[in-house]
Amino acid sequence: MSGRQSVHEHDLEAVPRRIAIVGAGRMGVGIAETLVLAGLEVVVTDVTPQLGQAALERLAARMHSHADAGLIDRDAAALAATVRAADGIPSAVESADLVIEAVTEDIEVKERVLRACEAAAPAGAIMASNTSSLSIDALARFVERPARFIGMHWFNPPEWTPGVEVVLGEHTDPAVAERVVGLLRAVGKRPSVVSGGVGFIANRLQMALFCEAARCVEEGLATPRAIDEVVRSSFGFRLPFFGPFQIADMAGLDIYEAVAEQHEQGLGERFRVPEALRALIRQGRCGTSAGAGFYDYEADAADRVLVERDRRYAALSELLARLPPVEFDGGQAVP
């Protein structure tokens, strides 16, 4: 099973092993596949028993299609049969170590579901919401023990996307966060612990990019197709390996400051130069060439970082050259 690990390979006694997923749509089913492939006990439930059973059928079909594509092996696909569909929330969560709420992004629906989960789950169970944007503190008001409540924001498709945001509420117990992080790492994910601001981190950044891309279309600068190509083939090409702060360090923070100033002058307040950037430059921390930027670098680290960067970029270029372009039916984007 490429990229897969079994939780049983890890000495992590505190990792939750009995997982209830409430809401068996696309995300819930994908999360179920990830967890069952790691050898965990998984039960799903949905609005009706019929929808729960239908989710099991979709899960089995999805895992067998992944096996057909060579993404997992046949034995792994057979693990779909170990997932159980409960008739409702009480029977789904009654013995769970971790309850993952994955219902629609409607706070009233989430309130009903979380209150029902709270009423039936064991007192020690962790309660997690897969919300992508709702306030964790607002959702925590629907449970009696907010210390055990946390955000657990998976990304689509959850089976293959490594990142998961672990979102802390005001009252979240740090030990709960540690257990959730331990579980995610044990199943091969790369969790990041963040606070519960609007959009958390990923969606806030993603929406900033999307809104600027849409404005570029509105201003007649380029078509959606051209903008997608710019993103894919330039800074998007670098993002699998480096985040924005690492990329800025390698480019030079003084250069970033100059470019940001040009944007602020031409496009206004939304491109205001961050004070955090100016403060680093005043300290002489201008990036890898200066030995420090957003990160600290050892004496010979800058050269090693750049060589490793180039090695990874060359490998990705070779991979992309072997893969056919992704085309949609029709092949045309709306102008």
C-alpha atoms as a PDB file:
ATOM      1  CA  MET A   1       0.000   0.000   0.000  1.00  0.00           C
ATOM      2  CA  SER A   2       1.960   2.965  -1.265  1.00  0.00           C
ATOM      3  CA  GLY A   3       2.162   5.758   1.309  1.00  0.00           C
ATOM      4  CA  ARG A   4       0.166   3.805   3.876  1.00  0.00           C
ATOM      5  CA  GLN A   5       1.074   2.901   7.429  1.00  0.00           C
ATOM      6  CA  SER A   6      -0.612   0.783  10.037  1.00  0.00           C
ATOM      7  CA  VAL A   7      -1.206   2.385  13.400  1.00  0.00           C
ATOM      8  CA  HIS A   8      -0.088  -0.913  14.919  1.00  0.00           C
ATOM      9  CA  GLU A   9       3.437  -0.199  13.652  1.00  0.00           C
ATOM     10  CA  HIS A  10       3.632   2.691  16.100  1.00  0.00           C
ATOM     11  CA  ASP A  11       4.062   2.629  19.868  1.00  0.00           C
ATOM     12  CA  LEU A  12       1.266   5.131  20.442  1.00  0.00           C
ATOM     13  CA  GLU A  13      -0.928   3.839  23.234  1.00  0.00           C
ATOM     14  CA  ALA A  14      -2.879   7.086  23.468  1.00  0.00           C
ATOM     15  CA  VAL A  15      -3.935   7.077  19.810  1.00  0.00           C
ATOM     16  CA  PRO A  16      -7.717   6.660  19.406  1.00  0.00           C
ATOM     17  CA  ARG A  17      -8.468   3.315  17.737  1.00  0.00           C
ATOM     18  CA  ARG A  18     -12.275   3.207  17.602  1.00  0.00           C
ATOM     19  CA  ILE A  19     -13.456   5.972  15.286  1.00  0.00           C
ATOM     20  CA  ALA A  20     -17.044   7.026  14.596  1.00  0.00           C
ATOM     21  CA  ILE A  21     -17.665   9.199  11.525  1.00  0.00           C
ATOM     22  CA  VAL A  22     -20.981  11.044  11.586  1.00  0.00           C
ATOM     23  CA  GLY A  23     -21.829  12.181   8.077  1.00  0.00           C
ATOM     24  CA  ALA A  24     -20.938   9.763   5.301  1.00  0.00           C
ATOM     25  CA  GLY A  25     -20.701  12.029   2.292  1.00  0.00           C
ATOM     26  CA  ARG A  26     -17.642  12.396   0.071  1.00  0.00           C
ATOM     27  CA  MET A  27     -15.401  13.601   2.902  1.00  0.00           C
ATOM     28  CA  GLY A  28     -16.710  11.138   5.477  1.00  0.00           C
ATOM     29  CA  VAL A  29     -16.186   8.179   3.162  1.00  0.00           C
ATOM     30  CA  GLY A  30     -12.688   9.359   2.249  1.00  0.00           C
ATOM     31  CA  ILE A  31     -11.741   9.768   5.906  1.00  0.00           C
ATOM     32  CA  ALA A  32     -13.121   6.280   6.570  1.00  0.00           C
ATOM     33  CA  GLU A  33     -10.881   4.816   3.861  1.00  0.00           C
ATOM     34  CA  THR A  34      -7.811   6.519   5.307  1.00  0.00           C
ATOM     35  CA  LEU A  35      -8.497   5.209   8.808  1.00  0.00           C
ATOM     36  CA  VAL A  36      -9.492   1.671   7.886  1.00  0.00           C
ATOM     37  CA  LEU A  37      -6.367   1.286   5.738  1.00  0.00           C
ATOM     38  CA  ALA A  38      -4.371   2.071   8.888  1.00  0.00           C
ATOM     39  CA  GLY A  39      -6.001  -0.816  10.737  1.00  0.00           C
ATOM     40  CA  LEU A  40      -8.419   1.226  12.842  1.00  0.00           C
ATOM     41  CA  GLU A  41     -11.958   0.239  13.781  1.00  0.00           C
ATOM     42  CA  VAL A  42     -14.331   2.516  11.860  1.00  0.00           C
ATOM     43  CA  VAL A  43     -18.097   2.964  12.029  1.00  0.00           C
ATOM     44  CA  VAL A  44     -20.060   5.440   9.908  1.00  0.00           C
ATOM     45  CA  THR A  45     -23.567   6.796  10.150  1.00  0.00           C
ATOM     46  CA  ASP A  46     -25.743   9.192   8.211  1.00  0.00           C
ATOM     47  CA  VAL A  47     -29.191  10.752   8.354  1.00  0.00           C
ATOM     48  CA  THR A  48     -30.931   7.410   7.734  1.00  0.00           C
ATOM     49  CA  PRO A  49     -29.832   3.771   7.977  1.00  0.00           C
ATOM     50  CA  GLN A  50     -30.321   3.498   4.217  1.00  0.00           C
ATOM     51  CA  LEU A  51     -27.882   6.330   3.563  1.00  0.00           C
ATOM     52  CA  GLY A  52     -25.403   4.705   5.938  1.00  0.00           C
ATOM     53  CA  GLN A  53     -25.567   1.437   4.016  1.00  0.00           C
ATOM     54  CA  ALA A  54     -25.254   3.290   0.732  1.00  0.00           C
ATOM     55  CA  ALA A  55     -22.094   4.917   2.093  1.00  0.00           C
ATOM     56  CA  LEU A  56     -20.595   1.463   2.709  1.00  0.00           C
ATOM     57  CA  GLU A  57     -21.292   0.542  -0.891  1.00  0.00           C
ATOM     58  CA  ARG A  58     -19.623   3.749  -2.094  1.00  0.00           C
ATOM     59  CA  LEU A  59     -16.643   3.090   0.158  1.00  0.00           C
ATOM     60  CA  ALA A  60     -16.187  -0.433  -1.194  1.00  0.00           C
ATOM     61  CA  ALA A  61     -16.491   0.778  -4.795  1.00  0.00           C
ATOM     62  CA  ARG A  62     -14.052   3.602  -4.139  1.00  0.00           C
ATOM     63  CA  MET A  63     -11.447   1.355  -2.550  1.00  0.00           C
ATOM     64  CA  HIS A  64     -11.727  -1.250  -5.309  1.00  0.00           C
ATOM     65  CA  SER A  65     -11.320   1.482  -7.923  1.00  0.00           C
ATOM     66  CA  HIS A  66      -8.190   2.603  -6.079  1.00  0.00           C
ATOM     67  CA  ALA A  67      -6.951  -0.973  -6.236  1.00  0.00           C
ATOM     68  CA  ASP A  68      -7.718  -1.105  -9.971  1.00  0.00           C
ATOM     69  CA  ALA A  69      -5.631   2.045 -10.406  1.00  0.00           C
ATOM     70  CA  GLY A  70      -2.743   0.506  -8.463  1.00  0.00           C
ATOM     71  CA  LEU A  71      -3.020   3.023  -5.619  1.00  0.00           C
ATOM     72  CA  ILE A  72      -3.665   0.343  -2.985  1.00  0.00           C
ATOM     73  CA  ASP A  73      -3.412  -3.428  -3.172  1.00  0.00           C
ATOM     74  CA  ARG A  74      -6.323  -5.886  -3.343  1.00  0.00           C
ATOM     75  CA  ASP A  75      -5.985  -6.986   0.268  1.00  0.00           C
ATOM     76  CA  ALA A  76      -6.211  -3.381   1.359  1.00  0.00           C
ATOM     77  CA  ALA A  77      -9.351  -2.824  -0.702  1.00  0.00           C
ATOM     78  CA  ALA A  78     -10.960  -5.790   1.062  1.00  0.00           C
ATOM     79  CA  LEU A  79     -10.716  -3.855   4.352  1.00  0.00           C
ATOM     80  CA  ALA A  80     -13.794  -1.912   3.262  1.00  0.00           C
ATOM     81  CA  ALA A  81     -15.808  -4.890   4.488  1.00  0.00           C
ATOM     82  CA  THR A  82     -14.628  -4.223   8.057  1.00  0.00           C
ATOM     83  CA  VAL A  83     -16.312  -0.810   8.220  1.00  0.00           C
ATOM     84  CA  ARG A  84     -19.719  -0.890   9.909  1.00  0.00           C
ATOM     85  CA  ALA A  85     -22.723   1.351   9.263  1.00  0.00           C
ATOM     86  CA  ALA A  86     -24.674   2.213  12.399  1.00  0.00           C
ATOM     87  CA  ASP A  87     -28.408   2.881  12.341  1.00  0.00           C
ATOM     88  CA  GLY A  88     -27.962   6.247  14.027  1.00  0.00           C
ATOM     89  CA  ILE A  89     -25.709   8.475  16.078  1.00  0.00           C
ATOM     90  CA  PRO A  90     -26.219   6.738  19.457  1.00  0.00           C
ATOM     91  CA  SER A  91     -25.124   3.312  18.224  1.00  0.00           C
ATOM     92  CA  ALA A  92     -22.303   4.819  16.140  1.00  0.00           C
ATOM     93  CA  VAL A  93     -20.626   6.739  18.954  1.00  0.00           C
ATOM     94  CA  GLU A  94     -21.448   4.665  22.057  1.00  0.00           C
ATOM     95  CA  SER A  95     -17.982   3.061  22.279  1.00  0.00           C
ATOM     96  CA  ALA A  96     -15.921   5.520  20.222  1.00  0.00           C
ATOM     97  CA  ASP A  97     -12.546   6.906  21.264  1.00  0.00           C
ATOM     98  CA  LEU A  98     -12.907   9.631  18.644  1.00  0.00           C
ATOM     99  CA  VAL A  99     -16.043  11.037  17.005  1.00  0.00           C
ATOM    100  CA  ILE A 100     -15.537  12.940  13.750  1.00  0.00           C
ATOM    101  CA  GLU A 101     -18.490  15.105  12.735  1.00  0.00           C
ATOM    102  CA  ALA A 102     -18.426  15.516   8.938  1.00  0.00           C
ATOM    103  CA  VAL A 103     -21.882  16.852   8.115  1.00  0.00           C
ATOM    104  CA  THR A 104     -22.797  19.832   5.951  1.00  0.00           C
ATOM    105  CA  GLU A 105     -21.376  23.315   6.720  1.00  0.00           C
ATOM    106  CA  ASP A 106     -24.591  24.488   8.378  1.00  0.00           C
ATOM    107  CA  ILE A 107     -24.191  25.508  12.000  1.00  0.00           C
ATOM    108  CA  GLU A 108     -27.754  24.496  12.907  1.00  0.00           C
ATOM    109  CA  VAL A 109     -27.215  21.013  11.476  1.00  0.00           C
ATOM    110  CA  LYS A 110     -23.895  20.754  13.266  1.00  0.00           C
ATOM    111  CA  GLU A 111     -25.532  21.815  16.529  1.00  0.00           C
ATOM    112  CA  ARG A 112     -28.085  19.003  16.317  1.00  0.00           C
ATOM    113  CA  VAL A 113     -25.428  16.449  15.417  1.00  0.00           C
ATOM    114  CA  LEU A 114     -22.898  17.528  18.049  1.00  0.00           C
ATOM    115  CA  ARG A 115     -25.502  17.575  20.805  1.00  0.00           C
ATOM    116  CA  ALA A 116     -26.610  14.067  19.825  1.00  0.00           C
ATOM    117  CA  CYS A 117     -22.995  12.866  19.761  1.00  0.00           C
ATOM    118  CA  GLU A 118     -22.320  14.440  23.142  1.00  0.00           C
ATOM    119  CA  ALA A 119     -25.325  12.711  24.664  1.00  0.00           C
ATOM    120  CA  ALA A 120     -24.301   9.215  23.518  1.00  0.00           C
ATOM    121  CA  ALA A 121     -20.491   9.162  23.355  1.00  0.00           C
ATOM    122  CA  PRO A 122     -18.305   8.012  26.270  1.00  0.00           C
ATOM    123  CA  ALA A 123     -17.219  10.809  28.617  1.00  0.00           C
ATOM    124  CA  GLY A 124     -13.600  10.398  27.541  1.00  0.00           C
ATOM    125  CA  ALA A 125     -14.193  10.420  23.794  1.00  0.00           C
ATOM    126  CA  ILE A 126     -12.627  13.184  21.721  1.00  0.00           C
ATOM    127  CA  MET A 127     -15.170  15.175  19.724  1.00  0.00           C
ATOM    128  CA  ALA A 128     -13.875  16.606  16.445  1.00  0.00           C
ATOM    129  CA  SER A 129     -15.514  18.654  13.716  1.00  0.00           C
ATOM    130  CA  ASN A 130     -14.342  18.511  10.106  1.00  0.00           C
ATOM    131  CA  THR A 131     -15.605  22.055   9.543  1.00  0.00           C
ATOM    132  CA  SER A 132     -13.621  23.987   6.969  1.00  0.00           C
ATOM    133  CA  SER A 133     -14.580  27.471   8.097  1.00  0.00           C
ATOM    134  CA  LEU A 134     -16.994  27.625  11.040  1.00  0.00           C
ATOM    135  CA  SER A 135     -15.755  28.910  14.397  1.00  0.00           C
ATOM    136  CA  ILE A 136     -14.508  26.106  16.631  1.00  0.00           C
ATOM    137  CA  ASP A 137     -15.433  28.150  19.703  1.00  0.00           C
ATOM    138  CA  ALA A 138     -18.976  28.590  18.382  1.00  0.00           C
ATOM    139  CA  LEU A 139     -19.286  24.847  17.762  1.00  0.00           C
ATOM    140  CA  ALA A 140     -17.782  24.080  21.181  1.00  0.00           C
ATOM    141  CA  ARG A 141     -20.835  25.682  22.785  1.00  0.00           C
ATOM    142  CA  PHE A 142     -22.838  22.659  21.648  1.00  0.00           C
ATOM    143  CA  VAL A 143     -20.867  20.209  23.784  1.00  0.00           C
ATOM    144  CA  GLU A 144     -20.745  19.948  27.574  1.00  0.00           C
ATOM    145  CA  ARG A 145     -17.014  19.263  27.755  1.00  0.00           C
ATOM    146  CA  PRO A 146     -15.320  21.757  25.404  1.00  0.00           C
ATOM    147  CA  ALA A 147     -11.880  20.677  26.627  1.00  0.00           C
ATOM    148  CA  ARG A 148     -12.211  17.517  24.548  1.00  0.00           C
ATOM    149  CA  PHE A 149     -13.573  19.332  21.472  1.00  0.00           C
ATOM    150  CA  ILE A 150     -11.297  20.173  18.526  1.00  0.00           C
ATOM    151  CA  GLY A 151     -11.336  20.974  14.830  1.00  0.00           C
ATOM    152  CA  MET A 152      -9.990  18.316  12.491  1.00  0.00           C
ATOM    153  CA  HIS A 153     -10.056  19.870   9.011  1.00  0.00           C
ATOM    154  CA  TRP A 154      -9.276  17.305   6.313  1.00  0.00           C
ATOM    155  CA  PHE A 155      -8.834  18.272   2.664  1.00  0.00           C
ATOM    156  CA  ASN A 156     -10.403  16.738  -0.419  1.00  0.00           C
ATOM    157  CA  PRO A 157      -9.556  14.026  -1.351  1.00  0.00           C
ATOM    158  CA  PRO A 158      -8.800  13.012   2.245  1.00  0.00           C
ATOM    159  CA  GLU A 159      -7.237   9.681   1.286  1.00  0.00           C
ATOM    160  CA  TRP A 160      -4.378  11.319  -0.613  1.00  0.00           C
ATOM    161  CA  THR A 161      -4.017  14.886   0.656  1.00  0.00           C
ATOM    162  CA  PRO A 162      -1.435  14.727   3.455  1.00  0.00           C
ATOM    163  CA  GLY A 163      -2.327  17.949   5.263  1.00  0.00           C
ATOM    164  CA  VAL A 164      -4.903  18.125   8.067  1.00  0.00           C
ATOM    165  CA  GLU A 165      -5.496  21.247  10.136  1.00  0.00           C
ATOM    166  CA  VAL A 166      -5.876  20.495  13.849  1.00  0.00           C
ATOM    167  CA  VAL A 167      -7.824  23.535  15.019  1.00  0.00           C
ATOM    168  CA  LEU A 168      -7.701  24.561  18.663  1.00  0.00           C
ATOM    169  CA  GLY A 169     -10.639  26.129  20.442  1.00  0.00           C
ATOM    170  CA  GLU A 170     -10.259  28.428  23.417  1.00  0.00           C
ATOM    171  CA  HIS A 171     -10.875  25.554  25.835  1.00  0.00           C
ATOM    172  CA  THR A 172      -9.281  22.640  23.939  1.00  0.00           C
ATOM    173  CA  ASP A 173      -7.102  20.532  26.236  1.00  0.00           C
ATOM    174  CA  PRO A 174      -3.527  20.399  24.829  1.00  0.00           C
ATOM    175  CA  ALA A 175      -3.484  16.657  25.603  1.00  0.00           C
ATOM    176  CA  VAL A 176      -6.447  16.206  23.249  1.00  0.00           C
ATOM    177  CA  ALA A 177      -4.548  17.990  20.488  1.00  0.00           C
ATOM    178  CA  GLU A 178      -1.532  15.760  21.116  1.00  0.00           C
ATOM    179  CA  ARG A 179      -3.651  12.621  20.759  1.00  0.00           C
ATOM    180  CA  VAL A 180      -5.227  13.858  17.528  1.00  0.00           C
ATOM    181  CA  VAL A 181      -1.833  14.841  16.091  1.00  0.00           C
ATOM    182  CA  GLY A 182      -0.463  11.437  17.102  1.00  0.00           C
ATOM    183  CA  LEU A 183      -3.297   9.661  15.322  1.00  0.00           C
ATOM    184  CA  LEU A 184      -2.898  11.681  12.139  1.00  0.00           C
ATOM    185  CA  ARG A 185       0.831  11.108  11.999  1.00  0.00           C
ATOM    186  CA  ALA A 186       0.301   7.413  12.646  1.00  0.00           C
ATOM    187  CA  VAL A 187      -1.980   7.131   9.589  1.00  0.00           C
ATOM    188  CA  GLY A 188       0.526   8.964   7.381  1.00  0.00           C
ATOM    189  CA  LYS A 189      -0.850  12.507   7.499  1.00  0.00           C
ATOM    190  CA  ARG A 190       1.032  15.761   8.112  1.00  0.00           C
ATOM    191  CA  PRO A 191      -1.015  17.654  10.703  1.00  0.00           C
ATOM    192  CA  SER A 192      -0.551  21.311  11.568  1.00  0.00           C
ATOM    193  CA  VAL A 193      -1.890  22.767  14.819  1.00  0.00           C
ATOM    194  CA  VAL A 194      -3.565  26.134  14.210  1.00  0.00           C
ATOM    195  CA  SER A 195      -5.891  28.509  16.024  1.00  0.00           C
ATOM    196  CA  GLY A 196      -9.498  28.970  15.032  1.00  0.00           C
ATOM    197  CA  GLY A 197      -9.477  32.227  13.064  1.00  0.00           C
ATOM    198  CA  VAL A 198     -11.747  32.730  10.057  1.00  0.00           C
ATOM    199  CA  GLY A 199     -10.883  30.151   7.401  1.00  0.00           C
ATOM    200  CA  PHE A 200      -8.125  28.763   9.641  1.00  0.00           C
ATOM    201  CA  ILE A 201      -4.945  28.857   7.509  1.00  0.00           C
ATOM    202  CA  ALA A 202      -5.462  26.840   4.330  1.00  0.00           C
ATOM    203  CA  ASN A 203      -8.788  28.328   3.275  1.00  0.00           C
ATOM    204  CA  ARG A 204      -7.731  31.846   4.199  1.00  0.00           C
ATOM    205  CA  LEU A 205      -4.721  31.545   1.905  1.00  0.00           C
ATOM    206  CA  GLN A 206      -6.641  29.656  -0.774  1.00  0.00           C
ATOM    207  CA  MET A 207      -9.426  32.242  -0.833  1.00  0.00           C
ATOM    208  CA  ALA A 208      -6.893  35.086  -1.083  1.00  0.00           C
ATOM    209  CA  LEU A 209      -5.377  33.409  -4.149  1.00  0.00           C
ATOM    210  CA  PHE A 210      -8.751  32.649  -5.704  1.00  0.00           C
ATOM    211  CA  CYS A 211     -10.128  36.159  -5.178  1.00  0.00           C
ATOM    212  CA  GLU A 212      -7.057  37.745  -6.764  1.00  0.00           C
ATOM    213  CA  ALA A 213      -7.248  35.267  -9.659  1.00  0.00           C
ATOM    214  CA  ALA A 214     -10.898  36.182 -10.221  1.00  0.00           C
ATOM    215  CA  ARG A 215     -10.025  39.899 -10.133  1.00  0.00           C
ATOM    216  CA  CYS A 216      -7.361  39.308 -12.779  1.00  0.00           C
ATOM    217  CA  VAL A 217     -10.052  37.822 -15.028  1.00  0.00           C
ATOM    218  CA  GLU A 218     -12.449  40.695 -14.266  1.00  0.00           C
ATOM    219  CA  GLU A 219      -9.743  43.214 -15.171  1.00  0.00           C
ATOM    220  CA  GLY A 220      -9.139  41.473 -18.491  1.00  0.00           C
ATOM    221  CA  LEU A 221      -5.540  40.560 -17.680  1.00  0.00           C
ATOM    222  CA  ALA A 222      -5.827  36.903 -18.657  1.00  0.00           C
ATOM    223  CA  THR A 223      -8.268  34.032 -19.131  1.00  0.00           C
ATOM    224  CA  PRO A 224      -8.955  31.434 -16.414  1.00  0.00           C
ATOM    225  CA  ARG A 225      -6.991  28.917 -18.474  1.00  0.00           C
ATOM    226  CA  ALA A 226      -3.950  31.206 -18.704  1.00  0.00           C
ATOM    227  CA  ILE A 227      -4.086  32.004 -14.988  1.00  0.00           C
ATOM    228  CA  ASP A 228      -4.298  28.321 -14.081  1.00  0.00           C
ATOM    229  CA  GLU A 229      -1.219  27.698 -16.223  1.00  0.00           C
ATOM    230  CA  VAL A 230       0.677  30.542 -14.553  1.00  0.00           C
ATOM    231  CA  VAL A 231      -0.092  29.121 -11.097  1.00  0.00           C
ATOM    232  CA  ARG A 232       0.697  25.519 -12.042  1.00  0.00           C
ATOM    233  CA  SER A 233       3.947  26.245 -13.808  1.00  0.00           C
ATOM    234  CA  SER A 234       5.488  28.940 -11.592  1.00  0.00           C
ATOM    235  CA  PHE A 235       4.995  29.364  -7.850  1.00  0.00           C
ATOM    236  CA  GLY A 236       2.572  26.432  -7.703  1.00  0.00           C
ATOM    237  CA  PHE A 237       5.370  24.218  -9.027  1.00  0.00           C
ATOM    238  CA  ARG A 238       7.425  25.071  -5.922  1.00  0.00           C
ATOM    239  CA  LEU A 239       4.713  24.627  -3.304  1.00  0.00           C
ATOM    240  CA  PRO A 240       4.880  20.808  -2.945  1.00  0.00           C
ATOM    241  CA  PHE A 241       8.298  21.265  -1.355  1.00  0.00           C
ATOM    242  CA  PHE A 242       8.409  24.705   0.235  1.00  0.00           C
ATOM    243  CA  GLY A 243       5.952  27.014   1.967  1.00  0.00           C
ATOM    244  CA  PRO A 244       5.683  30.762   1.327  1.00  0.00           C
ATOM    245  CA  PHE A 245       8.159  31.732   4.058  1.00  0.00           C
ATOM    246  CA  GLN A 246      10.812  29.297   2.855  1.00  0.00           C
ATOM    247  CA  ILE A 247      10.353  30.477  -0.733  1.00  0.00           C
ATOM    248  CA  ALA A 248      10.645  34.099   0.402  1.00  0.00           C
ATOM    249  CA  ASP A 249      13.860  33.346   2.301  1.00  0.00           C
ATOM    250  CA  MET A 250      15.395  31.766  -0.801  1.00  0.00           C
ATOM    251  CA  ALA A 251      14.320  34.666  -3.037  1.00  0.00           C
ATOM    252  CA  GLY A 252      15.516  37.334  -0.579  1.00  0.00           C
ATOM    253  CA  LEU A 253      13.262  39.267   1.774  1.00  0.00           C
ATOM    254  CA  ASP A 254      14.586  42.614   0.532  1.00  0.00           C
ATOM    255  CA  ILE A 255      13.417  41.630  -2.950  1.00  0.00           C
ATOM    256  CA  TYR A 256      10.044  40.596  -1.552  1.00  0.00           C
ATOM    257  CA  GLU A 257       9.758  43.977   0.179  1.00  0.00           C
ATOM    258  CA  ALA A 258      10.414  45.832  -3.071  1.00  0.00           C
ATOM    259  CA  VAL A 259       7.892  43.725  -4.998  1.00  0.00           C
ATOM    260  CA  ALA A 260       5.280  44.104  -2.258  1.00  0.00           C
ATOM    261  CA  GLU A 261       5.779  47.893  -2.292  1.00  0.00           C
ATOM    262  CA  GLN A 262       5.123  47.955  -6.038  1.00  0.00           C
ATOM    263  CA  HIS A 263       1.927  45.994  -5.486  1.00  0.00           C
ATOM    264  CA  GLU A 264       0.835  48.286  -2.661  1.00  0.00           C
ATOM    265  CA  GLN A 265       1.431  51.355  -4.818  1.00  0.00           C
ATOM    266  CA  GLY A 266      -0.441  49.901  -7.776  1.00  0.00           C
ATOM    267  CA  LEU A 267      -3.192  47.850  -6.138  1.00  0.00           C
ATOM    268  CA  GLY A 268      -3.761  49.416  -2.765  1.00  0.00           C
ATOM    269  CA  GLU A 269      -4.181  48.409   0.846  1.00  0.00           C
ATOM    270  CA  ARG A 270      -4.785  44.731   0.253  1.00  0.00           C
ATOM    271  CA  PHE A 271      -1.087  44.461  -0.686  1.00  0.00           C
ATOM    272  CA  ARG A 272       0.200  46.479   2.276  1.00  0.00           C
ATOM    273  CA  VAL A 273       3.775  45.426   3.055  1.00  0.00           C
ATOM    274  CA  PRO A 274       3.648  43.299   6.240  1.00  0.00           C
ATOM    275  CA  GLU A 275       5.431  44.856   9.198  1.00  0.00           C
ATOM    276  CA  ALA A 276       6.837  41.413  10.039  1.00  0.00           C
ATOM    277  CA  LEU A 277       8.732  41.522   6.725  1.00  0.00           C
ATOM    278  CA  ARG A 278      10.101  45.027   7.310  1.00  0.00           C
ATOM    279  CA  ALA A 279      11.175  44.129  10.857  1.00  0.00           C
ATOM    280  CA  LEU A 280      13.270  41.193   9.658  1.00  0.00           C
ATOM    281  CA  ILE A 281      14.956  43.325   7.011  1.00  0.00           C
ATOM    282  CA  ARG A 282      15.823  46.001   9.604  1.00  0.00           C
ATOM    283  CA  GLN A 283      17.528  43.244  11.603  1.00  0.00           C
ATOM    284  CA  GLY A 284      19.564  42.192   8.572  1.00  0.00           C
ATOM    285  CA  ARG A 285      17.617  38.943   8.269  1.00  0.00           C
ATOM    286  CA  CYS A 286      17.134  39.031   4.507  1.00  0.00           C
ATOM    287  CA  GLY A 287      16.946  35.290   3.825  1.00  0.00           C
ATOM    288  CA  THR A 288      19.240  32.371   3.077  1.00  0.00           C
ATOM    289  CA  SER A 289      22.023  34.550   1.649  1.00  0.00           C
ATOM    290  CA  ALA A 290      22.176  36.462   4.953  1.00  0.00           C
ATOM    291  CA  GLY A 291      22.066  33.324   7.081  1.00  0.00           C
ATOM    292  CA  ALA A 292      18.671  34.214   8.516  1.00  0.00           C
ATOM    293  CA  GLY A 293      15.226  35.309   7.453  1.00  0.00           C
ATOM    294  CA  PHE A 294      11.987  33.815   8.658  1.00  0.00           C
ATOM    295  CA  TYR A 295      14.220  30.794   9.404  1.00  0.00           C
ATOM    296  CA  ASP A 296      17.738  30.558  10.846  1.00  0.00           C
ATOM    297  CA  TYR A 297      20.413  28.902   8.695  1.00  0.00           C
ATOM    298  CA  GLU A 298      23.728  27.366   9.685  1.00  0.00           C
ATOM    299  CA  ALA A 299      26.913  28.575   8.009  1.00  0.00           C
ATOM    300  CA  ASP A 300      26.711  26.269   4.985  1.00  0.00           C
ATOM    301  CA  ALA A 301      22.970  25.669   5.056  1.00  0.00           C
ATOM    302  CA  ALA A 302      22.048  28.189   2.376  1.00  0.00           C
ATOM    303  CA  ASP A 303      23.996  26.401  -0.351  1.00  0.00           C
ATOM    304  CA  ARG A 304      22.692  23.006   0.764  1.00  0.00           C
ATOM    305  CA  VAL A 305      19.107  24.281   0.772  1.00  0.00           C
ATOM    306  CA  LEU A 306      19.426  25.631  -2.749  1.00  0.00           C
ATOM    307  CA  VAL A 307      21.023  22.439  -4.085  1.00  0.00           C
ATOM    308  CA  GLU A 308      18.275  20.355  -2.481  1.00  0.00           C
ATOM    309  CA  ARG A 309      15.694  22.738  -3.921  1.00  0.00           C
ATOM    310  CA  ASP A 310      17.104  22.265  -7.415  1.00  0.00           C
ATOM    311  CA  ARG A 311      17.235  18.493  -7.006  1.00  0.00           C
ATOM    312  CA  ARG A 312      13.556  18.379  -6.082  1.00  0.00           C
ATOM    313  CA  TYR A 313      12.513  20.750  -8.845  1.00  0.00           C
ATOM    314  CA  ALA A 314      14.355  18.688 -11.440  1.00  0.00           C
ATOM    315  CA  ALA A 315      12.692  15.497 -10.202  1.00  0.00           C
ATOM    316  CA  LEU A 316       9.262  17.113 -10.353  1.00  0.00           C
ATOM    317  CA  SER A 317       9.938  18.407 -13.864  1.00  0.00           C
ATOM    318  CA  GLU A 318      10.790  14.883 -14.998  1.00  0.00           C
ATOM    319  CA  LEU A 319       7.620  13.502 -13.390  1.00  0.00           C
ATOM    320  CA  LEU A 320       5.417  16.137 -15.014  1.00  0.00           C
ATOM    321  CA  ALA A 321       7.004  15.426 -18.387  1.00  0.00           C
ATOM    322  CA  ARG A 322       5.923  11.779 -18.080  1.00  0.00           C
ATOM    323  CA  LEU A 323       2.339  12.560 -17.083  1.00  0.00           C
ATOM    324  CA  PRO A 324      -0.294  13.579 -19.632  1.00  0.00           C
ATOM    325  CA  PRO A 325      -1.949  16.956 -19.101  1.00  0.00           C
ATOM    326  CA  VAL A 326      -5.213  16.952 -17.149  1.00  0.00           C
ATOM    327  CA  GLU A 327      -8.037  17.850 -19.531  1.00  0.00           C
ATOM    328  CA  PHE A 328     -11.738  18.175 -18.771  1.00  0.00           C
ATOM    329  CA  ASP A 329     -14.519  17.236 -21.156  1.00  0.00           C
ATOM    330  CA  GLY A 330     -14.758  19.991 -23.691  1.00  0.00           C
ATOM    331  CA  GLY A 331     -11.339  21.306 -22.723  1.00  0.00           C
ATOM    332  CA  GLN A 332     -12.441  24.941 -22.633  1.00  0.00           C
ATOM    333  CA  ALA A 333     -12.646  27.268 -19.642  1.00  0.00           C
ATOM    334  CA  VAL A 334     -15.204  30.083 -19.492  1.00  0.00           C
ATOM    335  CA  PRO A 335     -13.566  33.292 -20.798  1.00  0.00           C
END
